[in-house]
Amino acid sequence: MKRDHRPYWLKRLYTLGQKYYTQRYIRPQLDEMGHGGVYMKPWHIELFGGPIRIGAHPTIIATSDRKLRLTVWSDRPDAKGITIGDYCLICPGVRILAASEITIKKNCMIASGAYITDSDWHGIYDRSLPIGITKPVILDENVWVGDSAIICKGVHIGKNSIIGAGAVVASNIPENSIAVGNPARVIKTLDPEATIRTRGQWLAEPGKRAREFDIIDRDQLKGNSMVGWMRALLFPRKGD
């Protein structure tokens, strides 16, 4: 479908259904869950183990073909697990697997298919070991991880840095850097004089932002009907 044929009220009902599912089934599985935020298709979010914490006003997106998986599997009773800060964006297909500690600070953006882990998941010499070597992973504020990038154990990515699509990050990346490649290397430093606007600033007034999106939905879905939606589903025509 090129456009959404649902009537406005039906999309609104669907949005409320996502919120209900998030509160009813996702919240109880989390050790901490901040207020607000958007969880899109939360029935495709898979959580295992703990502790797992998600901050306030995140945007969490999952799809049927690219589920979002947050897993803590550890033999340590003091494992800190996964912490995702306020205003973060987590896209479809992201996998975050922790054996000790993965910390993603506020305003970070993790693109589709990215993989973040703090463990080898097997011993290098003794392959029967189920976890292997673990080292904490830290993404400082406002880090942007590109599509299908891999963040390996022990990595610390500095504030504002960007990891290119498909990069494999096996060593620390300083703040305000752009790193690409396998293994990832810094190829550019961000302009220190430039102003960086974060997701937290954009979402500073969540109520106002929600009203703006509602106005857009009303305009884009104006004139849609239940009959038209069913027709587009069952008997699509060119342009639908």
Protein backbone atom coordinates (compact mmCIF):
# COMPACT_ATOMS: atom_id res chain seq x y z
CA MET A 1 0.00 0.00 0.00
CA LYS A 2 1.32 3.42 -0.95
CA ARG A 3 -0.83 5.13 1.64
CA ASP A 4 -2.84 4.41 4.76
CA HIS A 5 -6.49 3.79 3.87
CA ARG A 6 -7.69 3.39 7.45
CA PRO A 7 -10.23 5.87 8.80
CA TYR A 8 -8.81 8.13 11.48
CA TRP A 9 -10.78 6.51 14.30
CA LEU A 10 -9.45 3.06 13.40
CA LYS A 11 -5.83 4.21 13.48
CA ARG A 12 -6.52 5.92 16.78
CA LEU A 13 -7.97 2.68 18.16
CA TYR A 14 -4.91 0.77 16.91
CA THR A 15 -2.61 3.25 18.67
CA LEU A 16 -4.53 2.83 21.93
CA GLY A 17 -4.27 -0.94 21.51
CA GLN A 18 -0.48 -0.67 21.25
CA LYS A 19 -0.40 1.40 24.44
CA TYR A 20 -2.57 -1.13 26.26
CA TYR A 21 -0.38 -4.03 25.15
CA THR A 22 2.76 -2.18 26.25
CA GLN A 23 1.39 -1.52 29.72
CA ARG A 24 -0.18 -4.96 30.10
CA TYR A 25 2.60 -7.18 28.76
CA ILE A 26 5.85 -5.22 28.31
CA ARG A 27 5.93 -3.15 31.51
CA PRO A 28 5.76 -6.20 33.88
CA GLN A 29 8.81 -7.73 32.17
CA LEU A 30 10.97 -4.65 32.72
CA ASP A 31 12.76 -3.80 35.95
CA GLU A 32 12.23 -0.11 35.21
CA MET A 33 10.10 1.63 32.60
CA GLY A 34 9.95 5.39 32.24
CA HIS A 35 6.78 7.28 31.46
CA GLY A 36 5.60 8.23 27.99
CA GLY A 37 7.16 7.15 24.75
CA VAL A 38 6.00 5.18 21.72
CA TYR A 39 6.16 1.39 21.45
CA MET A 40 5.24 0.44 17.89
CA LYS A 41 3.98 -3.14 17.38
CA PRO A 42 5.13 -4.09 20.89
CA TRP A 43 3.96 -7.70 20.40
CA HIS A 44 7.11 -8.16 18.32
CA ILE A 45 9.39 -7.10 21.19
CA GLU A 46 11.08 -10.11 22.79
CA LEU A 47 12.51 -9.75 26.31
CA PHE A 48 14.50 -12.42 28.14
CA GLY A 49 16.16 -12.31 31.53
CA GLY A 50 17.00 -9.19 33.47
CA PRO A 51 17.51 -6.63 34.73
CA ILE A 52 16.31 -4.62 31.73
CA ARG A 53 15.52 -0.92 32.11
CA ILE A 54 14.08 1.55 29.60
CA GLY A 55 13.90 5.27 30.32
CA ALA A 56 11.26 7.90 29.63
CA HIS A 57 9.90 8.85 26.21
CA PRO A 58 11.64 6.22 24.08
CA THR A 59 10.66 5.29 20.54
CA ILE A 60 10.78 1.50 20.30
CA ILE A 61 9.86 -0.03 16.93
CA ALA A 62 9.48 -3.73 16.11
CA THR A 63 8.04 -5.54 13.10
CA SER A 64 6.99 -9.12 12.38
CA ASP A 65 9.99 -9.78 10.12
CA ARG A 66 12.49 -7.85 12.27
CA LYS A 67 11.73 -8.48 15.91
CA LEU A 68 13.47 -6.45 18.58
CA ARG A 69 15.29 -8.59 21.14
CA LEU A 70 16.65 -7.52 24.53
CA THR A 71 18.34 -10.41 26.32
CA VAL A 72 20.22 -10.72 29.60
CA TRP A 73 21.77 -14.14 30.12
CA SER A 74 24.34 -14.22 32.88
CA ASP A 75 25.99 -16.44 35.47
CA ARG A 76 26.62 -13.39 37.66
CA PRO A 77 24.12 -12.50 40.41
CA ASP A 78 25.36 -8.89 40.31
CA ALA A 79 24.94 -8.44 36.53
CA LYS A 80 23.67 -4.94 35.75
CA GLY A 81 21.96 -6.06 32.55
CA ILE A 82 20.64 -3.63 29.94
CA THR A 83 19.92 0.04 30.59
CA ILE A 84 18.41 2.23 27.84
CA GLY A 85 18.20 5.93 28.67
CA ASP A 86 15.55 8.58 28.10
CA TYR A 87 14.52 9.61 24.57
CA CYS A 88 16.33 6.75 22.83
CA LEU A 89 15.28 5.42 19.42
CA ILE A 90 15.51 1.64 18.93
CA CYS A 91 14.60 0.44 15.42
CA PRO A 92 13.39 -2.94 14.09
CA GLY A 93 15.75 -5.90 14.16
CA VAL A 94 18.00 -4.53 16.89
CA ARG A 95 19.50 -7.19 19.18
CA ILE A 96 21.04 -6.25 22.51
CA LEU A 97 22.55 -9.19 24.43
CA ALA A 98 24.12 -8.68 27.83
CA ALA A 99 26.00 -11.04 30.13
CA SER A 100 27.19 -8.29 32.47
CA GLU A 101 26.37 -4.69 31.53
CA ILE A 102 25.26 -2.70 28.50
CA THR A 103 24.46 0.97 29.10
CA ILE A 104 22.90 3.12 26.38
CA LYS A 105 22.60 6.68 27.63
CA LYS A 106 19.91 9.19 26.75
CA ASN A 107 19.18 10.46 23.22
CA CYS A 108 20.91 7.54 21.47
CA MET A 109 19.63 6.21 18.14
CA ILE A 110 20.11 2.56 17.21
CA ALA A 111 19.26 1.81 13.56
CA SER A 112 17.70 -1.36 12.15
CA GLY A 113 19.61 -4.61 12.49
CA ALA A 114 22.29 -3.31 14.84
CA TYR A 115 23.79 -5.81 17.29
CA ILE A 116 25.26 -4.86 20.67
CA THR A 117 26.87 -7.40 23.00
CA ASP A 118 29.21 -7.42 25.99
CA SER A 119 30.32 -11.04 25.67
CA ASP A 120 32.02 -13.54 23.35
CA TRP A 121 29.29 -16.07 24.30
CA HIS A 122 31.82 -18.91 24.22
CA GLY A 123 35.29 -19.43 25.61
CA ILE A 124 38.01 -18.82 23.05
CA TYR A 125 39.94 -21.95 24.05
CA ASP A 126 37.23 -23.80 25.95
CA ARG A 127 34.27 -23.67 23.58
CA SER A 128 32.04 -25.43 26.12
CA LEU A 129 31.91 -22.25 28.22
CA PRO A 130 28.46 -20.72 27.60
CA ILE A 131 29.39 -17.06 28.12
CA GLY A 132 33.14 -16.55 27.78
CA ILE A 133 34.85 -13.21 28.35
CA THR A 134 32.58 -10.28 29.20
CA LYS A 135 33.35 -6.56 29.31
CA PRO A 136 30.81 -3.73 29.81
CA VAL A 137 29.61 -1.73 26.82
CA ILE A 138 28.80 1.97 27.17
CA LEU A 139 27.21 4.28 24.60
CA ASP A 140 27.40 7.86 25.86
CA GLU A 141 24.69 10.44 25.24
CA ASN A 142 23.47 11.11 21.72
CA VAL A 143 25.33 8.29 19.99
CA TRP A 144 23.97 7.22 16.59
CA VAL A 145 24.58 3.59 15.56
CA GLY A 146 23.99 2.91 11.86
CA ASP A 147 22.13 0.09 10.13
CA SER A 148 23.51 -3.43 10.83
CA ALA A 149 26.48 -2.15 12.83
CA ILE A 150 28.01 -4.46 15.46
CA ILE A 151 29.21 -3.16 18.84
CA CYS A 152 31.50 -5.66 20.55
CA LYS A 153 32.36 -6.30 24.19
CA GLY A 154 34.29 -3.68 26.15
CA VAL A 155 33.54 -0.84 23.73
CA HIS A 156 32.95 2.72 24.96
CA ILE A 157 31.53 5.10 22.34
CA GLY A 158 31.83 8.78 23.23
CA LYS A 159 29.14 11.43 23.25
CA ASN A 160 27.60 12.50 19.90
CA SER A 161 29.59 9.97 17.87
CA ILE A 162 28.22 8.24 14.77
CA ILE A 163 28.88 4.62 13.83
CA GLY A 164 28.48 3.96 10.11
CA ALA A 165 26.24 1.29 8.63
CA GLY A 166 27.74 -2.18 8.78
CA ALA A 167 30.67 -1.11 10.94
CA VAL A 168 32.19 -3.58 13.42
CA VAL A 169 33.30 -1.68 16.51
CA ALA A 170 35.86 -3.61 18.55
CA SER A 171 37.66 -0.70 20.25
CA ASN A 172 36.72 2.59 21.88
CA ILE A 173 35.50 5.51 19.77
CA PRO A 174 36.12 9.03 21.13
CA GLU A 175 33.33 11.58 21.39
CA ASN A 176 32.25 13.70 18.42
CA SER A 177 33.63 11.20 15.92
CA ILE A 178 32.39 9.37 12.82
CA ALA A 179 33.67 5.78 12.60
CA VAL A 180 33.18 3.31 9.75
CA GLY A 181 34.53 0.00 8.52
CA ASN A 182 35.55 -3.43 9.81
CA PRO A 183 37.22 -2.94 12.18
CA ALA A 184 35.74 0.52 12.68
CA ARG A 185 38.11 3.47 12.46
CA VAL A 186 37.51 7.19 12.98
CA ILE A 187 37.41 8.97 9.61
CA LYS A 188 36.09 12.35 10.68
CA THR A 189 35.60 14.58 13.71
CA LEU A 190 32.40 16.58 14.11
CA ASP A 191 32.59 20.36 13.96
CA PRO A 192 32.96 21.51 17.58
CA GLU A 193 31.30 24.83 16.71
CA ALA A 194 28.18 23.21 15.25
CA THR A 195 25.02 22.94 17.35
CA ILE A 196 23.71 19.39 17.76
CA ARG A 197 19.99 19.08 18.42
CA THR A 198 19.10 15.95 20.37
CA ARG A 199 15.96 13.83 20.48
CA GLY A 200 15.47 15.02 24.03
CA GLN A 201 15.23 18.60 22.84
CA TRP A 202 12.83 17.61 20.06
CA LEU A 203 10.64 15.72 22.55
CA ALA A 204 10.95 18.26 25.37
CA GLU A 205 7.19 18.91 25.13
CA PRO A 206 5.77 15.44 24.44
CA GLY A 207 2.16 16.56 24.72
CA LYS A 208 2.67 19.25 22.09
CA ARG A 209 4.50 16.79 19.80
CA ALA A 210 1.66 14.25 20.16
CA ARG A 211 -0.90 16.90 19.21
CA GLU A 212 1.14 17.81 16.13
CA PHE A 213 1.25 14.18 14.99
CA ASP A 214 -2.48 13.89 15.62
CA ILE A 215 -3.14 16.87 13.36
CA ILE A 216 -1.04 15.23 10.64
CA ASP A 217 -2.97 11.96 11.01
CA ARG A 218 -6.32 13.73 10.80
CA ASP A 219 -5.24 15.51 7.64
CA GLN A 220 -3.70 12.47 5.92
CA LEU A 221 -6.59 10.15 6.78
CA LYS A 222 -9.32 12.68 6.03
CA GLY A 223 -12.04 11.17 3.86
CA ASN A 224 -11.00 7.56 4.53
CA SER A 225 -13.81 5.14 5.30
CA MET A 226 -14.15 1.60 6.58
CA VAL A 227 -15.52 0.49 3.23
CA GLY A 228 -12.62 2.10 1.37
CA TRP A 229 -10.09 0.48 3.69
CA MET A 230 -11.62 -2.98 3.22
CA ARG A 231 -11.73 -2.48 -0.55
CA ALA A 232 -8.04 -1.51 -0.61
CA LEU A 233 -7.16 -4.60 1.42
CA LEU A 234 -9.19 -7.07 -0.60
CA PHE A 235 -9.19 -5.53 -4.07
CA PRO A 236 -6.18 -3.17 -4.33
CA ARG A 237 -6.00 -0.91 -7.35
CA LYS A 238 -3.16 1.00 -8.94
CA GLY A 239 -2.32 3.97 -6.75
CA ASP A 240 -3.45 2.33 -3.50
